[in-house]
Amino acid sequence: MHDCMLTNYELRIYSRWGQEVFSTTDPDARWNGKFIGEDLPVDVYTYQLHYSKTDFVNETSGFLRGNITLLR
């Protein structure tokens, strides 16, 4: 059992040129390294994650960002 619950989730992944190649509001969704059905090249991509969670008493929000290296 989890001690908190997500109330908001938004993940976005961008190419090195800033083009959004993936986005989801589903915390269980996974990026498959494709954009519009085509395999993207091996490269470094950036992600931004906005989320809110509650422990059933308090709600907190957060923002994470970083890099993802796509390997094939």
PDB file of N, CA and C in Angstrom:
ATOM      1  N   MET A   1       0.841  -1.184   0.000  1.00  0.00           N
ATOM      2  CA  MET A   1       0.000   0.000   0.000  1.00  0.00           C
ATOM      3  C   MET A   1       0.887   1.248   0.000  1.00  0.00           C
ATOM      4  N   HIS A   2       0.476   2.244  -0.781  1.00  0.00           N
ATOM      5  CA  HIS A   2       1.231   3.488  -0.872  1.00  0.00           C
ATOM      6  C   HIS A   2       0.800   4.450   0.230  1.00  0.00           C
ATOM      7  N   ASP A   3       1.744   5.262   0.683  1.00  0.00           N
ATOM      8  CA  ASP A   3       1.414   6.240   1.712  1.00  0.00           C
ATOM      9  C   ASP A   3       1.027   7.593   1.133  1.00  0.00           C
ATOM     10  N   CYS A   4       0.958   7.685  -0.211  1.00  0.00           N
ATOM     11  CA  CYS A   4       0.503   8.917  -0.842  1.00  0.00           C
ATOM     12  C   CYS A   4      -0.174   8.571  -2.168  1.00  0.00           C
ATOM     13  N   MET A   5      -0.892   9.542  -2.712  1.00  0.00           N
ATOM     14  CA  MET A   5      -1.607   9.351  -3.964  1.00  0.00           C
ATOM     15  C   MET A   5      -1.307  10.527  -4.891  1.00  0.00           C
ATOM     16  N   LEU A   6      -0.999  10.229  -6.152  1.00  0.00           N
ATOM     17  CA  LEU A   6      -0.805  11.291  -7.127  1.00  0.00           C
ATOM     18  C   LEU A   6      -2.151  11.916  -7.462  1.00  0.00           C
ATOM     19  N   THR A   7      -2.204  13.237  -7.439  1.00  0.00           N
ATOM     20  CA  THR A   7      -3.417  13.941  -7.817  1.00  0.00           C
ATOM     21  C   THR A   7      -3.247  14.675  -9.142  1.00  0.00           C
ATOM     22  N   ASN A   8      -1.991  14.840  -9.570  1.00  0.00           N
ATOM     23  CA  ASN A   8      -1.688  15.474 -10.847  1.00  0.00           C
ATOM     24  C   ASN A   8      -0.350  14.928 -11.319  1.00  0.00           C
ATOM     25  N   TYR A   9      -0.240  14.636 -12.615  1.00  0.00           N
ATOM     26  CA  TYR A   9       0.987  14.087 -13.177  1.00  0.00           C
ATOM     27  C   TYR A   9       1.072  14.517 -14.624  1.00  0.00           C
ATOM     28  N   GLU A  10       2.189  15.126 -14.996  1.00  0.00           N
ATOM     29  CA  GLU A  10       2.391  15.535 -16.385  1.00  0.00           C
ATOM     30  C   GLU A  10       3.869  15.375 -16.733  1.00  0.00           C
ATOM     31  N   LEU A  11       4.157  14.437 -17.627  1.00  0.00           N
ATOM     32  CA  LEU A  11       5.520  14.160 -18.073  1.00  0.00           C
ATOM     33  C   LEU A  11       5.645  14.572 -19.534  1.00  0.00           C
ATOM     34  N   ARG A  12       6.710  15.315 -19.830  1.00  0.00           N
ATOM     35  CA  ARG A  12       6.992  15.730 -21.206  1.00  0.00           C
ATOM     36  C   ARG A  12       8.456  15.427 -21.511  1.00  0.00           C
ATOM     37  N   ILE A  13       8.700  14.912 -22.714  1.00  0.00           N
ATOM     38  CA  ILE A  13      10.060  14.614 -23.163  1.00  0.00           C
ATOM     39  C   ILE A  13      10.321  15.408 -24.432  1.00  0.00           C
ATOM     40  N   TYR A  14      11.526  16.005 -24.498  1.00  0.00           N
ATOM     41  CA  TYR A  14      11.896  16.894 -25.597  1.00  0.00           C
ATOM     42  C   TYR A  14      13.194  16.447 -26.253  1.00  0.00           C
ATOM     43  N   SER A  15      13.304  16.709 -27.563  1.00  0.00           N
ATOM     44  CA  SER A  15      14.566  16.497 -28.276  1.00  0.00           C
ATOM     45  C   SER A  15      15.550  17.587 -27.853  1.00  0.00           C
ATOM     46  N   ARG A  16      16.782  17.440 -28.274  1.00  0.00           N
ATOM     47  CA  ARG A  16      17.783  18.452 -27.923  1.00  0.00           C
ATOM     48  C   ARG A  16      17.485  19.815 -28.548  1.00  0.00           C
ATOM     49  N   TRP A  17      16.592  19.841 -29.552  1.00  0.00           N
ATOM     50  CA  TRP A  17      16.211  21.095 -30.194  1.00  0.00           C
ATOM     51  C   TRP A  17      14.919  21.665 -29.630  1.00  0.00           C
ATOM     52  N   GLY A  18      14.399  21.028 -28.578  1.00  0.00           N
ATOM     53  CA  GLY A  18      13.222  21.555 -27.911  1.00  0.00           C
ATOM     54  C   GLY A  18      11.892  21.066 -28.449  1.00  0.00           C
ATOM     55  N   GLN A  19      11.902  20.137 -29.393  1.00  0.00           N
ATOM     56  CA  GLN A  19      10.641  19.605 -29.919  1.00  0.00           C
ATOM     57  C   GLN A  19      10.090  18.566 -28.947  1.00  0.00           C
ATOM     58  N   GLU A  20       8.839  18.721 -28.563  1.00  0.00           N
ATOM     59  CA  GLU A  20       8.205  17.746 -27.685  1.00  0.00           C
ATOM     60  C   GLU A  20       7.989  16.452 -28.464  1.00  0.00           C
ATOM     61  N   VAL A  21       8.545  15.341 -27.954  1.00  0.00           N
ATOM     62  CA  VAL A  21       8.427  14.059 -28.638  1.00  0.00           C
ATOM     63  C   VAL A  21       7.544  13.075 -27.881  1.00  0.00           C
ATOM     64  N   PHE A  22       7.179  13.412 -26.651  1.00  0.00           N
ATOM     65  CA  PHE A  22       6.302  12.536 -25.862  1.00  0.00           C
ATOM     66  C   PHE A  22       5.699  13.348 -24.734  1.00  0.00           C
ATOM     67  N   SER A  23       4.423  13.079 -24.434  1.00  0.00           N
ATOM     68  CA  SER A  23       3.797  13.673 -23.249  1.00  0.00           C
ATOM     69  C   SER A  23       2.713  12.729 -22.763  1.00  0.00           C
ATOM     70  N   THR A  24       2.491  12.742 -21.469  1.00  0.00           N
ATOM     71  CA  THR A  24       1.456  11.907 -20.880  1.00  0.00           C
ATOM     72  C   THR A  24       1.025  12.478 -19.536  1.00  0.00           C
ATOM     73  N   THR A  25      -0.199  12.171 -19.180  1.00  0.00           N
ATOM     74  CA  THR A  25      -0.701  12.467 -17.841  1.00  0.00           C
ATOM     75  C   THR A  25      -0.971  11.168 -17.085  1.00  0.00           C
ATOM     76  N   ASP A  26      -0.584  10.051 -17.690  1.00  0.00           N
ATOM     77  CA  ASP A  26      -0.770   8.727 -17.093  1.00  0.00           C
ATOM     78  C   ASP A  26       0.543   8.274 -16.457  1.00  0.00           C
ATOM     79  N   PRO A  27       0.607   8.157 -15.127  1.00  0.00           N
ATOM     80  CA  PRO A  27       1.861   7.768 -14.475  1.00  0.00           C
ATOM     81  C   PRO A  27       2.337   6.362 -14.844  1.00  0.00           C
ATOM     82  N   ASP A  28       1.474   5.540 -15.423  1.00  0.00           N
ATOM     83  CA  ASP A  28       1.858   4.187 -15.833  1.00  0.00           C
ATOM     84  C   ASP A  28       2.311   4.107 -17.289  1.00  0.00           C
ATOM     85  N   ALA A  29       2.190   5.196 -18.036  1.00  0.00           N
ATOM     86  CA  ALA A  29       2.585   5.210 -19.455  1.00  0.00           C
ATOM     87  C   ALA A  29       4.102   5.202 -19.569  1.00  0.00           C
ATOM     88  N   ARG A  30       4.585   4.571 -20.615  1.00  0.00           N
ATOM     89  CA  ARG A  30       6.018   4.487 -20.875  1.00  0.00           C
ATOM     90  C   ARG A  30       6.320   5.008 -22.271  1.00  0.00           C
ATOM     91  N   TRP A  31       7.450   5.709 -22.405  1.00  0.00           N
ATOM     92  CA  TRP A  31       7.901   6.181 -23.709  1.00  0.00           C
ATOM     93  C   TRP A  31       8.659   5.049 -24.386  1.00  0.00           C
ATOM     94  N   ASN A  32       8.344   4.776 -25.637  1.00  0.00           N
ATOM     95  CA  ASN A  32       8.985   3.685 -26.367  1.00  0.00           C
ATOM     96  C   ASN A  32      10.098   4.161 -27.301  1.00  0.00           C
ATOM     97  N   GLY A  33      10.502   5.419 -27.187  1.00  0.00           N
ATOM     98  CA  GLY A  33      11.580   5.934 -28.025  1.00  0.00           C
ATOM     99  C   GLY A  33      11.142   6.298 -29.433  1.00  0.00           C
ATOM    100  N   LYS A  34       9.836   6.403 -29.631  1.00  0.00           N
ATOM    101  CA  LYS A  34       9.298   6.739 -30.949  1.00  0.00           C
ATOM    102  C   LYS A  34       8.609   8.095 -30.912  1.00  0.00           C
ATOM    103  N   PHE A  35       8.505   8.693 -32.083  1.00  0.00           N
ATOM    104  CA  PHE A  35       7.757   9.933 -32.265  1.00  0.00           C
ATOM    105  C   PHE A  35       7.001   9.797 -33.570  1.00  0.00           C
ATOM    106  N   ILE A  36       5.696   9.927 -33.511  1.00  0.00           N
ATOM    107  CA  ILE A  36       4.803   9.753 -34.659  1.00  0.00           C
ATOM    108  C   ILE A  36       5.087   8.408 -35.350  1.00  0.00           C
ATOM    109  N   GLY A  37       5.266   7.373 -34.548  1.00  0.00           N
ATOM    110  CA  GLY A  37       5.439   6.022 -35.064  1.00  0.00           C
ATOM    111  C   GLY A  37       6.828   5.674 -35.574  1.00  0.00           C
ATOM    112  N   GLU A  38       7.739   6.616 -35.569  1.00  0.00           N
ATOM    113  CA  GLU A  38       9.098   6.392 -36.075  1.00  0.00           C
ATOM    114  C   GLU A  38      10.094   6.343 -34.921  1.00  0.00           C
ATOM    115  N   ASP A  39      11.071   5.414 -35.028  1.00  0.00           N
ATOM    116  CA  ASP A  39      12.140   5.348 -34.029  1.00  0.00           C
ATOM    117  C   ASP A  39      12.953   6.634 -34.057  1.00  0.00           C
ATOM    118  N   LEU A  40      13.185   7.202 -32.899  1.00  0.00           N
ATOM    119  CA  LEU A  40      14.047   8.372 -32.803  1.00  0.00           C
ATOM    120  C   LEU A  40      15.498   7.910 -32.715  1.00  0.00           C
ATOM    121  N   PRO A  41      16.437   8.774 -33.103  1.00  0.00           N
ATOM    122  CA  PRO A  41      17.842   8.383 -33.077  1.00  0.00           C
ATOM    123  C   PRO A  41      18.387   8.306 -31.643  1.00  0.00           C
ATOM    124  N   VAL A  42      19.457   7.537 -31.514  1.00  0.00           N
ATOM    125  CA  VAL A  42      20.193   7.509 -30.254  1.00  0.00           C
ATOM    126  C   VAL A  42      20.633   8.940 -29.976  1.00  0.00           C
ATOM    127  N   ASP A  43      20.316   9.434 -28.796  1.00  0.00           N
ATOM    128  CA  ASP A  43      20.621  10.826 -28.468  1.00  0.00           C
ATOM    129  C   ASP A  43      20.271  11.059 -27.003  1.00  0.00           C
ATOM    130  N   VAL A  44      20.520  12.257 -26.548  1.00  0.00           N
ATOM    131  CA  VAL A  44      20.132  12.671 -25.206  1.00  0.00           C
ATOM    132  C   VAL A  44      18.879  13.520 -25.333  1.00  0.00           C
ATOM    133  N   TYR A  45      17.860  13.188 -24.560  1.00  0.00           N
ATOM    134  CA  TYR A  45      16.587  13.896 -24.537  1.00  0.00           C
ATOM    135  C   TYR A  45      16.394  14.457 -23.142  1.00  0.00           C
ATOM    136  N   THR A  46      15.588  15.492 -23.028  1.00  0.00           N
ATOM    137  CA  THR A  46      15.316  16.070 -21.714  1.00  0.00           C
ATOM    138  C   THR A  46      13.878  15.759 -21.310  1.00  0.00           C
ATOM    139  N   TYR A  47      13.663  15.714 -20.015  1.00  0.00           N
ATOM    140  CA  TYR A  47      12.297  15.500 -19.524  1.00  0.00           C
ATOM    141  C   TYR A  47      11.954  16.559 -18.492  1.00  0.00           C
ATOM    142  N   GLN A  48      10.664  16.814 -18.377  1.00  0.00           N
ATOM    143  CA  GLN A  48      10.103  17.677 -17.335  1.00  0.00           C
ATOM    144  C   GLN A  48       8.909  16.943 -16.748  1.00  0.00           C
ATOM    145  N   LEU A  49       8.878  16.861 -15.441  1.00  0.00           N
ATOM    146  CA  LEU A  49       7.788  16.184 -14.739  1.00  0.00           C
ATOM    147  C   LEU A  49       7.203  17.127 -13.707  1.00  0.00           C
ATOM    148  N   HIS A  50       5.928  17.430 -13.867  1.00  0.00           N
ATOM    149  CA  HIS A  50       5.169  18.203 -12.882  1.00  0.00           C
ATOM    150  C   HIS A  50       4.237  17.221 -12.190  1.00  0.00           C
ATOM    151  N   TYR A  51       4.170  17.294 -10.877  1.00  0.00           N
ATOM    152  CA  TYR A  51       3.288  16.377 -10.155  1.00  0.00           C
ATOM    153  C   TYR A  51       2.752  17.026  -8.886  1.00  0.00           C
ATOM    154  N   SER A  52       1.652  16.506  -8.439  1.00  0.00           N
ATOM    155  CA  SER A  52       1.088  16.847  -7.130  1.00  0.00           C
ATOM    156  C   SER A  52       0.718  15.533  -6.467  1.00  0.00           C
ATOM    157  N   LYS A  53       0.900  15.474  -5.170  1.00  0.00           N
ATOM    158  CA  LYS A  53       0.556  14.263  -4.431  1.00  0.00           C
ATOM    159  C   LYS A  53      -0.036  14.645  -3.091  1.00  0.00           C
ATOM    160  N   THR A  54      -0.810  13.730  -2.546  1.00  0.00           N
ATOM    161  CA  THR A  54      -1.409  13.960  -1.242  1.00  0.00           C
ATOM    162  C   THR A  54      -1.167  12.740  -0.365  1.00  0.00           C
ATOM    163  N   ASP A  55      -0.953  12.998   0.896  1.00  0.00           N
ATOM    164  CA  ASP A  55      -0.858  11.899   1.864  1.00  0.00           C
ATOM    165  C   ASP A  55      -2.170  11.797   2.635  1.00  0.00           C
ATOM    166  N   PHE A  56      -3.226  12.317   2.032  1.00  0.00           N
ATOM    167  CA  PHE A  56      -4.587  12.338   2.572  1.00  0.00           C
ATOM    168  C   PHE A  56      -4.767  13.368   3.678  1.00  0.00           C
ATOM    169  N   VAL A  57      -3.708  14.132   3.964  1.00  0.00           N
ATOM    170  CA  VAL A  57      -3.799  15.252   4.897  1.00  0.00           C
ATOM    171  C   VAL A  57      -3.266  16.510   4.212  1.00  0.00           C
ATOM    172  N   ASN A  58      -2.098  16.391   3.619  1.00  0.00           N
ATOM    173  CA  ASN A  58      -1.435  17.517   2.964  1.00  0.00           C
ATOM    174  C   ASN A  58      -1.211  17.215   1.492  1.00  0.00           C
ATOM    175  N   GLU A  59      -1.285  18.261   0.671  1.00  0.00           N
ATOM    176  CA  GLU A  59      -0.970  18.109  -0.748  1.00  0.00           C
ATOM    177  C   GLU A  59       0.309  18.881  -1.038  1.00  0.00           C
ATOM    178  N   THR A  60       1.219  18.255  -1.773  1.00  0.00           N
ATOM    179  CA  THR A  60       2.463  18.905  -2.168  1.00  0.00           C
ATOM    180  C   THR A  60       2.620  18.769  -3.678  1.00  0.00           C
ATOM    181  N   SER A  61       3.335  19.729  -4.262  1.00  0.00           N
ATOM    182  CA  SER A  61       3.598  19.725  -5.695  1.00  0.00           C
ATOM    183  C   SER A  61       5.098  19.715  -5.907  1.00  0.00           C
ATOM    184  N   GLY A  62       5.495  19.226  -7.066  1.00  0.00           N
ATOM    185  CA  GLY A  62       6.915  19.193  -7.372  1.00  0.00           C
ATOM    186  C   GLY A  62       7.167  19.297  -8.857  1.00  0.00           C
ATOM    187  N   PHE A  63       8.418  19.557  -9.171  1.00  0.00           N
ATOM    188  CA  PHE A  63       8.869  19.681 -10.549  1.00  0.00           C
ATOM    189  C   PHE A  63      10.249  19.052 -10.641  1.00  0.00           C
ATOM    190  N   LEU A  64      10.397  18.118 -11.555  1.00  0.00           N
ATOM    191  CA  LEU A  64      11.686  17.474 -11.794  1.00  0.00           C
ATOM    192  C   LEU A  64      12.048  17.656 -13.257  1.00  0.00           C
ATOM    193  N   ARG A  65      13.335  17.751 -13.535  1.00  0.00           N
ATOM    194  CA  ARG A  65      13.802  17.781 -14.914  1.00  0.00           C
ATOM    195  C   ARG A  65      15.179  17.145 -14.969  1.00  0.00           C
ATOM    196  N   GLY A  66      15.485  16.626 -16.134  1.00  0.00           N
ATOM    197  CA  GLY A  66      16.770  15.965 -16.282  1.00  0.00           C
ATOM    198  C   GLY A  66      16.925  15.446 -17.699  1.00  0.00           C
ATOM    199  N   ASN A  67      17.866  14.535 -17.858  1.00  0.00           N
ATOM    200  CA  ASN A  67      18.182  13.983 -19.171  1.00  0.00           C
ATOM    201  C   ASN A  67      17.896  12.492 -19.219  1.00  0.00           C
ATOM    202  N   ILE A  68      17.553  12.048 -20.413  1.00  0.00           N
ATOM    203  CA  ILE A  68      17.359  10.626 -20.707  1.00  0.00           C
ATOM    204  C   ILE A  68      18.242  10.323 -21.917  1.00  0.00           C
ATOM    205  N   THR A  69      19.046   9.289 -21.834  1.00  0.00           N
ATOM    206  CA  THR A  69      19.838   8.868 -22.984  1.00  0.00           C
ATOM    207  C   THR A  69      19.129   7.696 -23.631  1.00  0.00           C
ATOM    208  N   LEU A  70      18.732   7.882 -24.884  1.00  0.00           N
ATOM    209  CA  LEU A  70      18.060   6.826 -25.635  1.00  0.00           C
ATOM    210  C   LEU A  70      19.111   5.970 -26.316  1.00  0.00           C
ATOM    211  N   LEU A  71      19.129   4.692 -25.991  1.00  0.00           N
ATOM    212  CA  LEU A  71      20.067   3.738 -26.589  1.00  0.00           C
ATOM    213  C   LEU A  71      19.270   2.683 -27.334  1.00  0.00           C
ATOM    214  N   ARG A  72      19.826   2.152 -28.369  1.00  0.00           N
ATOM    215  CA  ARG A  72      19.174   1.073 -29.137  1.00  0.00           C
ATOM    216  C   ARG A  72      20.111  -0.110 -29.226  1.00  0.00           C
TER     217      ARG A  72
END
